[in-house]
Amino acid sequence: MITKEEITIKVPSEVAQAYRNATEDEREQLQLKIAAIMHSQFTTPRLESIARLRRTMDKASLEAQERGLTPAILESILNDDE
């Protein structure tokens, strides 16, 4: 179950008046659309950052393998107590 919270945003007066004059179904549809837009705006940059990090890690891994790094060598490096 998704909980909902009320927020307040500022809009031009004519938009506010149109919203107040809308039917309950129209207001609910607008709320869903606004929530989707806001969700997209706030999550897309994060998802893009995660994808970019994964690509960078994959590239580094591929380059290390191409240069001869094996799981055994990596384990040896990670277990080195120096």
PDB file of N, CA and C in Angstrom:
ATOM      1  N   MET A   1       0.844  -1.187   0.000  1.00  0.00           N
ATOM      2  CA  MET A   1       0.000   0.000   0.000  1.00  0.00           C
ATOM      3  C   MET A   1       0.882   1.242   0.000  1.00  0.00           C
ATOM      4  N   ILE A   2       0.606   2.149  -0.879  1.00  0.00           N
ATOM      5  CA  ILE A   2       1.357   3.392  -0.981  1.00  0.00           C
ATOM      6  C   ILE A   2       0.641   4.455  -0.165  1.00  0.00           C
ATOM      7  N   THR A   3       1.388   5.057   0.752  1.00  0.00           N
ATOM      8  CA  THR A   3       0.797   6.142   1.522  1.00  0.00           C
ATOM      9  C   THR A   3       0.949   7.436   0.734  1.00  0.00           C
ATOM     10  N   LYS A   4       0.006   8.312   0.918  1.00  0.00           N
ATOM     11  CA  LYS A   4       0.030   9.590   0.213  1.00  0.00           C
ATOM     12  C   LYS A   4       0.113  10.712   1.230  1.00  0.00           C
ATOM     13  N   GLU A   5       0.833  11.756   0.836  1.00  0.00           N
ATOM     14  CA  GLU A   5       0.941  12.951   1.657  1.00  0.00           C
ATOM     15  C   GLU A   5       0.549  14.161   0.827  1.00  0.00           C
ATOM     16  N   GLU A   6       0.036  15.133   1.492  1.00  0.00           N
ATOM     17  CA  GLU A   6      -0.345  16.371   0.827  1.00  0.00           C
ATOM     18  C   GLU A   6       0.837  17.327   0.840  1.00  0.00           C
ATOM     19  N   ILE A   7       1.068  17.972  -0.305  1.00  0.00           N
ATOM     20  CA  ILE A   7       2.084  19.016  -0.403  1.00  0.00           C
ATOM     21  C   ILE A   7       1.421  20.252  -0.998  1.00  0.00           C
ATOM     22  N   THR A   8       2.097  21.367  -0.912  1.00  0.00           N
ATOM     23  CA  THR A   8       1.585  22.609  -1.477  1.00  0.00           C
ATOM     24  C   THR A   8       2.572  23.112  -2.512  1.00  0.00           C
ATOM     25  N   ILE A   9       2.060  23.447  -3.690  1.00  0.00           N
ATOM     26  CA  ILE A   9       2.894  24.037  -4.727  1.00  0.00           C
ATOM     27  C   ILE A   9       2.226  25.313  -5.210  1.00  0.00           C
ATOM     28  N   LYS A  10       3.034  26.249  -5.666  1.00  0.00           N
ATOM     29  CA  LYS A  10       2.499  27.510  -6.175  1.00  0.00           C
ATOM     30  C   LYS A  10       2.310  27.409  -7.679  1.00  0.00           C
ATOM     31  N   VAL A  11       1.132  27.832  -8.124  1.00  0.00           N
ATOM     32  CA  VAL A  11       0.792  27.848  -9.548  1.00  0.00           C
ATOM     33  C   VAL A  11       0.107  29.172  -9.848  1.00  0.00           C
ATOM     34  N   PRO A  12       0.041  29.545 -11.117  1.00  0.00           N
ATOM     35  CA  PRO A  12      -0.690  30.771 -11.465  1.00  0.00           C
ATOM     36  C   PRO A  12      -2.157  30.688 -11.001  1.00  0.00           C
ATOM     37  N   SER A  13      -2.736  31.826 -10.704  1.00  0.00           N
ATOM     38  CA  SER A  13      -4.107  31.888 -10.177  1.00  0.00           C
ATOM     39  C   SER A  13      -5.113  31.173 -11.067  1.00  0.00           C
ATOM     40  N   GLU A  14      -4.968  31.336 -12.384  1.00  0.00           N
ATOM     41  CA  GLU A  14      -5.950  30.700 -13.282  1.00  0.00           C
ATOM     42  C   GLU A  14      -5.831  29.173 -13.255  1.00  0.00           C
ATOM     43  N   VAL A  15      -4.637  28.674 -13.000  1.00  0.00           N
ATOM     44  CA  VAL A  15      -4.453  27.225 -12.891  1.00  0.00           C
ATOM     45  C   VAL A  15      -5.111  26.735 -11.603  1.00  0.00           C
ATOM     46  N   ALA A  16      -4.910  27.474 -10.524  1.00  0.00           N
ATOM     47  CA  ALA A  16      -5.525  27.106  -9.251  1.00  0.00           C
ATOM     48  C   ALA A  16      -7.045  27.109  -9.358  1.00  0.00           C
ATOM     49  N   GLN A  17      -7.575  28.120 -10.015  1.00  0.00           N
ATOM     50  CA  GLN A  17      -9.034  28.209 -10.177  1.00  0.00           C
ATOM     51  C   GLN A  17      -9.558  27.056 -11.025  1.00  0.00           C
ATOM     52  N   ALA A  18      -8.862  26.721 -12.098  1.00  0.00           N
ATOM     53  CA  ALA A  18      -9.278  25.603 -12.946  1.00  0.00           C
ATOM     54  C   ALA A  18      -9.244  24.295 -12.155  1.00  0.00           C
ATOM     55  N   TYR A  19      -8.242  24.129 -11.306  1.00  0.00           N
ATOM     56  CA  TYR A  19      -8.144  22.928 -10.480  1.00  0.00           C
ATOM     57  C   TYR A  19      -9.321  22.853  -9.505  1.00  0.00           C
ATOM     58  N   ARG A  20      -9.621  23.971  -8.871  1.00  0.00           N
ATOM     59  CA  ARG A  20     -10.746  23.986  -7.928  1.00  0.00           C
ATOM     60  C   ARG A  20     -12.066  23.699  -8.632  1.00  0.00           C
ATOM     61  N   ASN A  21     -12.199  24.105  -9.885  1.00  0.00           N
ATOM     62  CA  ASN A  21     -13.433  23.893 -10.634  1.00  0.00           C
ATOM     63  C   ASN A  21     -13.514  22.505 -11.280  1.00  0.00           C
ATOM     64  N   ALA A  22     -12.426  21.758 -11.261  1.00  0.00           N
ATOM     65  CA  ALA A  22     -12.395  20.436 -11.886  1.00  0.00           C
ATOM     66  C   ALA A  22     -13.200  19.441 -11.051  1.00  0.00           C
ATOM     67  N   THR A  23     -13.626  18.380 -11.712  1.00  0.00           N
ATOM     68  CA  THR A  23     -14.331  17.329 -10.992  1.00  0.00           C
ATOM     69  C   THR A  23     -13.333  16.549 -10.138  1.00  0.00           C
ATOM     70  N   GLU A  24     -13.850  15.757  -9.223  1.00  0.00           N
ATOM     71  CA  GLU A  24     -12.979  14.944  -8.367  1.00  0.00           C
ATOM     72  C   GLU A  24     -12.126  14.001  -9.214  1.00  0.00           C
ATOM     73  N   ASP A  25     -12.712  13.399 -10.244  1.00  0.00           N
ATOM     74  CA  ASP A  25     -11.949  12.506 -11.132  1.00  0.00           C
ATOM     75  C   ASP A  25     -10.847  13.261 -11.868  1.00  0.00           C
ATOM     76  N   GLU A  26     -11.163  14.460 -12.347  1.00  0.00           N
ATOM     77  CA  GLU A  26     -10.149  15.266 -13.046  1.00  0.00           C
ATOM     78  C   GLU A  26      -9.006  15.639 -12.100  1.00  0.00           C
ATOM     79  N   ARG A  27      -9.346  16.021 -10.870  1.00  0.00           N
ATOM     80  CA  ARG A  27      -8.311  16.365  -9.892  1.00  0.00           C
ATOM     81  C   ARG A  27      -7.442  15.149  -9.576  1.00  0.00           C
ATOM     82  N   GLU A  28      -8.047  13.988  -9.440  1.00  0.00           N
ATOM     83  CA  GLU A  28      -7.283  12.779  -9.152  1.00  0.00           C
ATOM     84  C   GLU A  28      -6.335  12.448 -10.307  1.00  0.00           C
ATOM     85  N   GLN A  29      -6.807  12.592 -11.539  1.00  0.00           N
ATOM     86  CA  GLN A  29      -5.951  12.341 -12.695  1.00  0.00           C
ATOM     87  C   GLN A  29      -4.783  13.325 -12.739  1.00  0.00           C
ATOM     88  N   LEU A  30      -5.046  14.582 -12.441  1.00  0.00           N
ATOM     89  CA  LEU A  30      -3.982  15.585 -12.396  1.00  0.00           C
ATOM     90  C   LEU A  30      -2.970  15.266 -11.304  1.00  0.00           C
ATOM     91  N   GLN A  31      -3.452  14.840 -10.151  1.00  0.00           N
ATOM     92  CA  GLN A  31      -2.558  14.483  -9.054  1.00  0.00           C
ATOM     93  C   GLN A  31      -1.638  13.334  -9.470  1.00  0.00           C
ATOM     94  N   LEU A  32      -2.194  12.328 -10.147  1.00  0.00           N
ATOM     95  CA  LEU A  32      -1.388  11.204 -10.611  1.00  0.00           C
ATOM     96  C   LEU A  32      -0.337  11.655 -11.623  1.00  0.00           C
ATOM     97  N   LYS A  33      -0.730  12.529 -12.536  1.00  0.00           N
ATOM     98  CA  LYS A  33       0.210  13.028 -13.543  1.00  0.00           C
ATOM     99  C   LYS A  33       1.333  13.846 -12.901  1.00  0.00           C
ATOM    100  N   ILE A  34       0.970  14.722 -11.981  1.00  0.00           N
ATOM    101  CA  ILE A  34       1.974  15.545 -11.305  1.00  0.00           C
ATOM    102  C   ILE A  34       2.925  14.667 -10.495  1.00  0.00           C
ATOM    103  N   ALA A  35       2.384  13.674  -9.796  1.00  0.00           N
ATOM    104  CA  ALA A  35       3.220  12.764  -9.017  1.00  0.00           C
ATOM    105  C   ALA A  35       4.189  12.014  -9.933  1.00  0.00           C
ATOM    106  N   ALA A  36       3.712  11.574 -11.100  1.00  0.00           N
ATOM    107  CA  ALA A  36       4.574  10.850 -12.040  1.00  0.00           C
ATOM    108  C   ALA A  36       5.693  11.753 -12.561  1.00  0.00           C
ATOM    109  N   ILE A  37       5.348  12.991 -12.879  1.00  0.00           N
ATOM    110  CA  ILE A  37       6.356  13.943 -13.364  1.00  0.00           C
ATOM    111  C   ILE A  37       7.402  14.194 -12.286  1.00  0.00           C
ATOM    112  N   MET A  38       6.958  14.425 -11.060  1.00  0.00           N
ATOM    113  CA  MET A  38       7.894  14.700  -9.977  1.00  0.00           C
ATOM    114  C   MET A  38       8.759  13.475  -9.682  1.00  0.00           C
ATOM    115  N   HIS A  39       8.164  12.315  -9.695  1.00  0.00           N
ATOM    116  CA  HIS A  39       8.926  11.085  -9.454  1.00  0.00           C
ATOM    117  C   HIS A  39      10.005  10.933 -10.512  1.00  0.00           C
ATOM    118  N   SER A  40       9.638  11.174 -11.755  1.00  0.00           N
ATOM    119  CA  SER A  40      10.597  11.072 -12.857  1.00  0.00           C
ATOM    120  C   SER A  40      11.728  12.077 -12.704  1.00  0.00           C
ATOM    121  N   GLN A  41      11.407  13.291 -12.328  1.00  0.00           N
ATOM    122  CA  GLN A  41      12.411  14.338 -12.168  1.00  0.00           C
ATOM    123  C   GLN A  41      13.397  14.020 -11.052  1.00  0.00           C
ATOM    124  N   PHE A  42      12.914  13.394  -9.986  1.00  0.00           N
ATOM    125  CA  PHE A  42      13.773  13.136  -8.842  1.00  0.00           C
ATOM    126  C   PHE A  42      14.518  11.816  -8.925  1.00  0.00           C
ATOM    127  N   THR A  43      13.990  10.847  -9.660  1.00  0.00           N
ATOM    128  CA  THR A  43      14.654   9.538  -9.715  1.00  0.00           C
ATOM    129  C   THR A  43      15.523   9.365 -10.940  1.00  0.00           C
ATOM    130  N   THR A  44      15.216  10.017 -12.044  1.00  0.00           N
ATOM    131  CA  THR A  44      15.989   9.832 -13.271  1.00  0.00           C
ATOM    132  C   THR A  44      17.462  10.190 -13.087  1.00  0.00           C
ATOM    133  N   PRO A  45      17.811  11.330 -12.496  1.00  0.00           N
ATOM    134  CA  PRO A  45      19.236  11.632 -12.310  1.00  0.00           C
ATOM    135  C   PRO A  45      19.945  10.563 -11.472  1.00  0.00           C
ATOM    136  N   ARG A  46      19.278  10.060 -10.464  1.00  0.00           N
ATOM    137  CA  ARG A  46      19.881   9.024  -9.619  1.00  0.00           C
ATOM    138  C   ARG A  46      20.104   7.749 -10.429  1.00  0.00           C
ATOM    139  N   LEU A  47      19.094   7.349 -11.204  1.00  0.00           N
ATOM    140  CA  LEU A  47      19.231   6.142 -12.016  1.00  0.00           C
ATOM    141  C   LEU A  47      20.318   6.304 -13.068  1.00  0.00           C
ATOM    142  N   GLU A  48      20.403   7.500 -13.648  1.00  0.00           N
ATOM    143  CA  GLU A  48      21.455   7.762 -14.631  1.00  0.00           C
ATOM    144  C   GLU A  48      22.836   7.688 -13.981  1.00  0.00           C
ATOM    145  N   SER A  49      22.957   8.189 -12.766  1.00  0.00           N
ATOM    146  CA  SER A  49      24.231   8.134 -12.048  1.00  0.00           C
ATOM    147  C   SER A  49      24.620   6.692 -11.755  1.00  0.00           C
ATOM    148  N   ILE A  50      23.668   5.887 -11.346  1.00  0.00           N
ATOM    149  CA  ILE A  50      23.933   4.479 -11.072  1.00  0.00           C
ATOM    150  C   ILE A  50      24.372   3.769 -12.350  1.00  0.00           C
ATOM    151  N   ALA A  51      23.677   4.035 -13.458  1.00  0.00           N
ATOM    152  CA  ALA A  51      24.045   3.411 -14.737  1.00  0.00           C
ATOM    153  C   ALA A  51      25.446   3.840 -15.167  1.00  0.00           C
ATOM    154  N   ARG A  52      25.771   5.114 -14.986  1.00  0.00           N
ATOM    155  CA  ARG A  52      27.096   5.620 -15.348  1.00  0.00           C
ATOM    156  C   ARG A  52      28.176   4.954 -14.487  1.00  0.00           C
ATOM    157  N   LEU A  53      27.904   4.791 -13.190  1.00  0.00           N
ATOM    158  CA  LEU A  53      28.848   4.121 -12.301  1.00  0.00           C
ATOM    159  C   LEU A  53      29.055   2.671 -12.733  1.00  0.00           C
ATOM    160  N   ARG A  54      27.980   1.984 -13.079  1.00  0.00           N
ATOM    161  CA  ARG A  54      28.099   0.591 -13.525  1.00  0.00           C
ATOM    162  C   ARG A  54      28.937   0.493 -14.799  1.00  0.00           C
ATOM    163  N   ARG A  55      28.711   1.417 -15.733  1.00  0.00           N
ATOM    164  CA  ARG A  55      29.494   1.404 -16.978  1.00  0.00           C
ATOM    165  C   ARG A  55      30.979   1.636 -16.683  1.00  0.00           C
ATOM    166  N   THR A  56      31.262   2.563 -15.776  1.00  0.00           N
ATOM    167  CA  THR A  56      32.647   2.851 -15.401  1.00  0.00           C
ATOM    168  C   THR A  56      33.293   1.628 -14.752  1.00  0.00           C
ATOM    169  N   MET A  57      32.566   0.977 -13.864  1.00  0.00           N
ATOM    170  CA  MET A  57      33.096  -0.206 -13.199  1.00  0.00           C
ATOM    171  C   MET A  57      33.321  -1.349 -14.205  1.00  0.00           C
ATOM    172  N   ASP A  58      32.381  -1.525 -15.125  1.00  0.00           N
ATOM    173  CA  ASP A  58      32.543  -2.560 -16.156  1.00  0.00           C
ATOM    174  C   ASP A  58      33.764  -2.283 -17.029  1.00  0.00           C
ATOM    175  N   LYS A  59      33.950  -1.003 -17.384  1.00  0.00           N
ATOM    176  CA  LYS A  59      35.100  -0.636 -18.210  1.00  0.00           C
ATOM    177  C   LYS A  59      36.407  -0.901 -17.472  1.00  0.00           C
ATOM    178  N   ALA A  60      36.471  -0.518 -16.197  1.00  0.00           N
ATOM    179  CA  ALA A  60      37.675  -0.746 -15.394  1.00  0.00           C
ATOM    180  C   ALA A  60      37.959  -2.238 -15.263  1.00  0.00           C
ATOM    181  N   SER A  61      36.915  -3.012 -15.060  1.00  0.00           N
ATOM    182  CA  SER A  61      37.071  -4.467 -14.944  1.00  0.00           C
ATOM    183  C   SER A  61      37.603  -5.067 -16.241  1.00  0.00           C
ATOM    184  N   LEU A  62      37.041  -4.643 -17.360  1.00  0.00           N
ATOM    185  CA  LEU A  62      37.485  -5.151 -18.657  1.00  0.00           C
ATOM    186  C   LEU A  62      38.939  -4.775 -18.919  1.00  0.00           C
ATOM    187  N   GLU A  63      39.308  -3.531 -18.624  1.00  0.00           N
ATOM    188  CA  GLU A  63      40.692  -3.092 -18.825  1.00  0.00           C
ATOM    189  C   GLU A  63      41.653  -3.890 -17.937  1.00  0.00           C
ATOM    190  N   ALA A  64      41.246  -4.155 -16.693  1.00  0.00           N
ATOM    191  CA  ALA A  64      42.099  -4.926 -15.788  1.00  0.00           C
ATOM    192  C   ALA A  64      42.290  -6.349 -16.311  1.00  0.00           C
ATOM    193  N   GLN A  65      41.221  -6.944 -16.804  1.00  0.00           N
ATOM    194  CA  GLN A  65      41.315  -8.299 -17.352  1.00  0.00           C
ATOM    195  C   GLN A  65      42.195  -8.325 -18.596  1.00  0.00           C
ATOM    196  N   GLU A  66      42.051  -7.315 -19.442  1.00  0.00           N
ATOM    197  CA  GLU A  66      42.867  -7.237 -20.656  1.00  0.00           C
ATOM    198  C   GLU A  66      44.353  -7.091 -20.315  1.00  0.00           C
ATOM    199  N   ARG A  67      44.645  -6.493 -19.176  1.00  0.00           N
ATOM    200  CA  ARG A  67      46.041  -6.290 -18.754  1.00  0.00           C
ATOM    201  C   ARG A  67      46.559  -7.443 -17.894  1.00  0.00           C
ATOM    202  N   GLY A  68      45.760  -8.507 -17.789  1.00  0.00           N
ATOM    203  CA  GLY A  68      46.229  -9.711 -17.125  1.00  0.00           C
ATOM    204  C   GLY A  68      45.792  -9.920 -15.689  1.00  0.00           C
ATOM    205  N   LEU A  69      44.934  -9.068 -15.176  1.00  0.00           N
ATOM    206  CA  LEU A  69      44.469  -9.269 -13.808  1.00  0.00           C
ATOM    207  C   LEU A  69      43.516 -10.462 -13.771  1.00  0.00           C
ATOM    208  N   THR A  70      43.816 -11.399 -12.919  1.00  0.00           N
ATOM    209  CA  THR A  70      42.965 -12.580 -12.754  1.00  0.00           C
ATOM    210  C   THR A  70      42.342 -12.535 -11.368  1.00  0.00           C
ATOM    211  N   PRO A  71      41.295 -13.336 -11.137  1.00  0.00           N
ATOM    212  CA  PRO A  71      40.709 -13.380  -9.793  1.00  0.00           C
ATOM    213  C   PRO A  71      41.743 -13.753  -8.719  1.00  0.00           C
ATOM    214  N   ALA A  72      42.666 -14.653  -9.053  1.00  0.00           N
ATOM    215  CA  ALA A  72      43.691 -15.061  -8.084  1.00  0.00           C
ATOM    216  C   ALA A  72      44.622 -13.898  -7.745  1.00  0.00           C
ATOM    217  N   ILE A  73      45.037 -13.150  -8.757  1.00  0.00           N
ATOM    218  CA  ILE A  73      45.922 -11.993  -8.517  1.00  0.00           C
ATOM    219  C   ILE A  73      45.187 -10.940  -7.701  1.00  0.00           C
ATOM    220  N   LEU A  74      43.925 -10.690  -8.040  1.00  0.00           N
ATOM    221  CA  LEU A  74      43.141  -9.706  -7.297  1.00  0.00           C
ATOM    222  C   LEU A  74      43.002 -10.114  -5.837  1.00  0.00           C
ATOM    223  N   GLU A  75      42.711 -11.381  -5.603  1.00  0.00           N
ATOM    224  CA  GLU A  75      42.584 -11.865  -4.230  1.00  0.00           C
ATOM    225  C   GLU A  75      43.893 -11.691  -3.463  1.00  0.00           C
ATOM    226  N   SER A  76      45.004 -11.965  -4.125  1.00  0.00           N
ATOM    227  CA  SER A  76      46.311 -11.801  -3.511  1.00  0.00           C
ATOM    228  C   SER A  76      46.550 -10.339  -3.133  1.00  0.00           C
ATOM    229  N   ILE A  77      46.186  -9.437  -4.034  1.00  0.00           N
ATOM    230  CA  ILE A  77      46.345  -8.001  -3.771  1.00  0.00           C
ATOM    231  C   ILE A  77      45.468  -7.573  -2.590  1.00  0.00           C
ATOM    232  N   LEU A  78      44.247  -8.034  -2.579  1.00  0.00           N
ATOM    233  CA  LEU A  78      43.305  -7.651  -1.514  1.00  0.00           C
ATOM    234  C   LEU A  78      43.695  -8.242  -0.160  1.00  0.00           C
ATOM    235  N   ASN A  79      44.359  -9.402  -0.171  1.00  0.00           N
ATOM    236  CA  ASN A  79      44.745 -10.038   1.078  1.00  0.00           C
ATOM    237  C   ASN A  79      46.123  -9.616   1.563  1.00  0.00           C
ATOM    238  N   ASP A  80      46.821  -8.801   0.783  1.00  0.00           N
ATOM    239  CA  ASP A  80      48.148  -8.343   1.163  1.00  0.00           C
ATOM    240  C   ASP A  80      48.035  -7.438   2.382  1.00  0.00           C
ATOM    241  N   ASP A  81      48.743  -7.755   3.443  1.00  0.00           N
ATOM    242  CA  ASP A  81      48.649  -7.024   4.708  1.00  0.00           C
ATOM    243  C   ASP A  81      49.600  -5.848   4.832  1.00  0.00           C
ATOM    244  N   GLU A  82      50.239  -5.459   3.777  1.00  0.00           N
ATOM    245  CA  GLU A  82      51.218  -4.368   3.863  1.00  0.00           C
ATOM    246  C   GLU A  82      50.570  -3.058   4.094  1.00  0.00           C
TER     247      GLU A  82
END
